[in-house]
């Protein structure tokens, strides 16, 4: 019986240590991390995709029709051109 109590006490101590480690892990996960400061200046021709918003033209033309689609894509190109977005060589975005 004495061995049973001793084993039970050891198990309780191990459980308490495990719970303490779990609590510490949870606290580390819930503590707000410091924000990493983003660069204040963007490179030429780059945009901040998290802040970029556009009320661009929506394609409402019939599917499989070429002319309405070309008109729409020209409107999209105009939107990006006036927003200062440029494509980089090698990305397949050049016209």
C-alpha atoms as a PDB file:
ATOM      1  CA  UNK A   1       0.000   0.000   0.000  1.00  0.00           C
ATOM      2  CA  UNK A   2       2.884   2.318   0.768  1.00  0.00           C
ATOM      3  CA  UNK A   3       4.284   1.796  -2.747  1.00  0.00           C
ATOM      4  CA  UNK A   4       0.888   2.659  -4.215  1.00  0.00           C
ATOM      5  CA  UNK A   5       0.794   5.993  -2.353  1.00  0.00           C
ATOM      6  CA  UNK A   6       4.373   6.740  -3.368  1.00  0.00           C
ATOM      7  CA  UNK A   7       3.650   5.983  -7.046  1.00  0.00           C
ATOM      8  CA  UNK A   8       0.455   8.021  -6.853  1.00  0.00           C
ATOM      9  CA  UNK A   9       2.318  11.004  -5.360  1.00  0.00           C
ATOM     10  CA  UNK A  10       4.999  10.797  -8.094  1.00  0.00           C
ATOM     11  CA  UNK A  11       2.295  10.658 -10.764  1.00  0.00           C
ATOM     12  CA  UNK A  12       0.604  13.732  -9.250  1.00  0.00           C
ATOM     13  CA  UNK A  13       3.911  15.632  -9.286  1.00  0.00           C
ATOM     14  CA  UNK A  14       4.535  14.661 -12.915  1.00  0.00           C
ATOM     15  CA  UNK A  15       0.999  15.708 -13.823  1.00  0.00           C
ATOM     16  CA  UNK A  16       1.427  19.045 -12.045  1.00  0.00           C
ATOM     17  CA  UNK A  17       4.696  19.682 -13.895  1.00  0.00           C
ATOM     18  CA  UNK A  18       3.036  18.793 -17.205  1.00  0.00           C
ATOM     19  CA  UNK A  19       0.101  21.117 -16.496  1.00  0.00           C
ATOM     20  CA  UNK A  20       2.517  23.916 -15.581  1.00  0.00           C
ATOM     21  CA  UNK A  21       4.333  23.456 -18.916  1.00  0.00           C
ATOM     22  CA  UNK A  22       1.013  23.470 -20.779  1.00  0.00           C
ATOM     23  CA  UNK A  23      -0.108  26.644 -19.013  1.00  0.00           C
ATOM     24  CA  UNK A  24       3.181  28.328 -19.877  1.00  0.00           C
ATOM     25  CA  UNK A  25       2.816  27.271 -23.522  1.00  0.00           C
ATOM     26  CA  UNK A  26      -0.727  28.632 -23.664  1.00  0.00           C
ATOM     27  CA  UNK A  27       0.387  31.931 -22.151  1.00  0.00           C
ATOM     28  CA  UNK A  28       3.150  32.239 -24.730  1.00  0.00           C
ATOM     29  CA  UNK A  29       0.636  31.626 -27.508  1.00  0.00           C
ATOM     30  CA  UNK A  30      -1.889  34.137 -26.211  1.00  0.00           C
ATOM     31  CA  UNK A  31       0.527  36.957 -25.423  1.00  0.00           C
ATOM     32  CA  UNK A  32       0.452  39.515 -28.211  1.00  0.00           C
ATOM     33  CA  UNK A  33       3.698  39.452 -30.133  1.00  0.00           C
ATOM     34  CA  UNK A  34       5.441  42.699 -30.957  1.00  0.00           C
ATOM     35  CA  UNK A  35       4.585  43.965 -34.392  1.00  0.00           C
ATOM     36  CA  UNK A  36       7.411  43.884 -36.863  1.00  0.00           C
ATOM     37  CA  UNK A  37       7.664  47.302 -38.424  1.00  0.00           C
ATOM     38  CA  UNK A  38       7.154  47.273 -42.148  1.00  0.00           C
ATOM     39  CA  UNK A  39       9.428  49.383 -44.277  1.00  0.00           C
ATOM     40  CA  UNK A  40       8.064  52.904 -44.559  1.00  0.00           C
ATOM     41  CA  UNK A  41       9.092  53.293 -48.177  1.00  0.00           C
ATOM     42  CA  UNK A  42       8.129  50.873 -50.891  1.00  0.00           C
ATOM     43  CA  UNK A  43      10.302  50.098 -53.852  1.00  0.00           C
ATOM     44  CA  UNK A  44       9.466  51.842 -57.097  1.00  0.00           C
ATOM     45  CA  UNK A  45       6.505  50.175 -58.797  1.00  0.00           C
ATOM     46  CA  UNK A  46       5.581  48.060 -55.757  1.00  0.00           C
ATOM     47  CA  UNK A  47       2.266  48.215 -53.949  1.00  0.00           C
ATOM     48  CA  UNK A  48       1.201  47.141 -50.490  1.00  0.00           C
ATOM     49  CA  UNK A  49      -1.186  44.303 -51.291  1.00  0.00           C
ATOM     50  CA  UNK A  50      -2.658  44.401 -47.791  1.00  0.00           C
ATOM     51  CA  UNK A  51      -3.740  48.009 -48.268  1.00  0.00           C
ATOM     52  CA  UNK A  52      -4.438  48.123 -52.011  1.00  0.00           C
ATOM     53  CA  UNK A  53      -8.144  48.372 -52.762  1.00  0.00           C
ATOM     54  CA  UNK A  54      -9.728  49.078 -56.083  1.00  0.00           C
ATOM     55  CA  UNK A  55     -13.228  49.571 -57.317  1.00  0.00           C
ATOM     56  CA  UNK A  56     -12.314  48.234 -60.704  1.00  0.00           C
ATOM     57  CA  UNK A  57     -14.655  47.381 -63.506  1.00  0.00           C
ATOM     58  CA  UNK A  58     -16.664  44.179 -63.139  1.00  0.00           C
ATOM     59  CA  UNK A  59     -17.061  41.899 -66.104  1.00  0.00           C
ATOM     60  CA  UNK A  60     -20.763  41.667 -66.802  1.00  0.00           C
ATOM     61  CA  UNK A  61     -20.598  40.664 -70.436  1.00  0.00           C
ATOM     62  CA  UNK A  62     -21.808  37.365 -71.790  1.00  0.00           C
ATOM     63  CA  UNK A  63     -19.440  34.417 -71.433  1.00  0.00           C
ATOM     64  CA  UNK A  64     -17.434  33.407 -74.495  1.00  0.00           C
ATOM     65  CA  UNK A  65     -17.801  36.870 -76.082  1.00  0.00           C
ATOM     66  CA  UNK A  66     -14.489  38.415 -77.108  1.00  0.00           C
ATOM     67  CA  UNK A  67     -15.249  42.118 -77.579  1.00  0.00           C
ATOM     68  CA  UNK A  68     -16.886  42.780 -74.176  1.00  0.00           C
ATOM     69  CA  UNK A  69     -14.035  40.890 -72.512  1.00  0.00           C
ATOM     70  CA  UNK A  70     -11.371  42.931 -74.318  1.00  0.00           C
ATOM     71  CA  UNK A  71     -13.134  46.148 -73.311  1.00  0.00           C
ATOM     72  CA  UNK A  72     -13.207  44.941 -69.696  1.00  0.00           C
ATOM     73  CA  UNK A  73      -9.545  43.890 -69.631  1.00  0.00           C
ATOM     74  CA  UNK A  74      -8.552  47.287 -71.053  1.00  0.00           C
ATOM     75  CA  UNK A  75     -10.428  48.895 -68.163  1.00  0.00           C
ATOM     76  CA  UNK A  76      -8.531  46.692 -65.705  1.00  0.00           C
ATOM     77  CA  UNK A  77      -5.215  47.643 -67.352  1.00  0.00           C
ATOM     78  CA  UNK A  78      -6.177  51.315 -67.092  1.00  0.00           C
ATOM     79  CA  UNK A  79      -6.999  50.874 -63.397  1.00  0.00           C
ATOM     80  CA  UNK A  80      -3.606  49.334 -62.646  1.00  0.00           C
ATOM     81  CA  UNK A  81      -1.752  51.846 -64.802  1.00  0.00           C
ATOM     82  CA  UNK A  82      -3.345  54.803 -63.028  1.00  0.00           C
ATOM     83  CA  UNK A  83      -2.699  53.128 -59.651  1.00  0.00           C
ATOM     84  CA  UNK A  84       1.026  53.037 -60.384  1.00  0.00           C
ATOM     85  CA  UNK A  85       1.277  49.253 -60.630  1.00  0.00           C
ATOM     86  CA  UNK A  86       3.886  48.040 -63.067  1.00  0.00           C
ATOM     87  CA  UNK A  87       4.895  44.543 -64.019  1.00  0.00           C
ATOM     88  CA  UNK A  88       8.380  43.130 -63.737  1.00  0.00           C
ATOM     89  CA  UNK A  89      10.155  41.389 -66.611  1.00  0.00           C
ATOM     90  CA  UNK A  90      10.138  37.624 -66.345  1.00  0.00           C
ATOM     91  CA  UNK A  91       6.837  37.367 -64.485  1.00  0.00           C
ATOM     92  CA  UNK A  92       4.768  36.941 -67.611  1.00  0.00           C
ATOM     93  CA  UNK A  93       2.862  40.149 -66.924  1.00  0.00           C
ATOM     94  CA  UNK A  94       4.309  42.291 -69.687  1.00  0.00           C
ATOM     95  CA  UNK A  95       2.126  43.188 -72.640  1.00  0.00           C
END
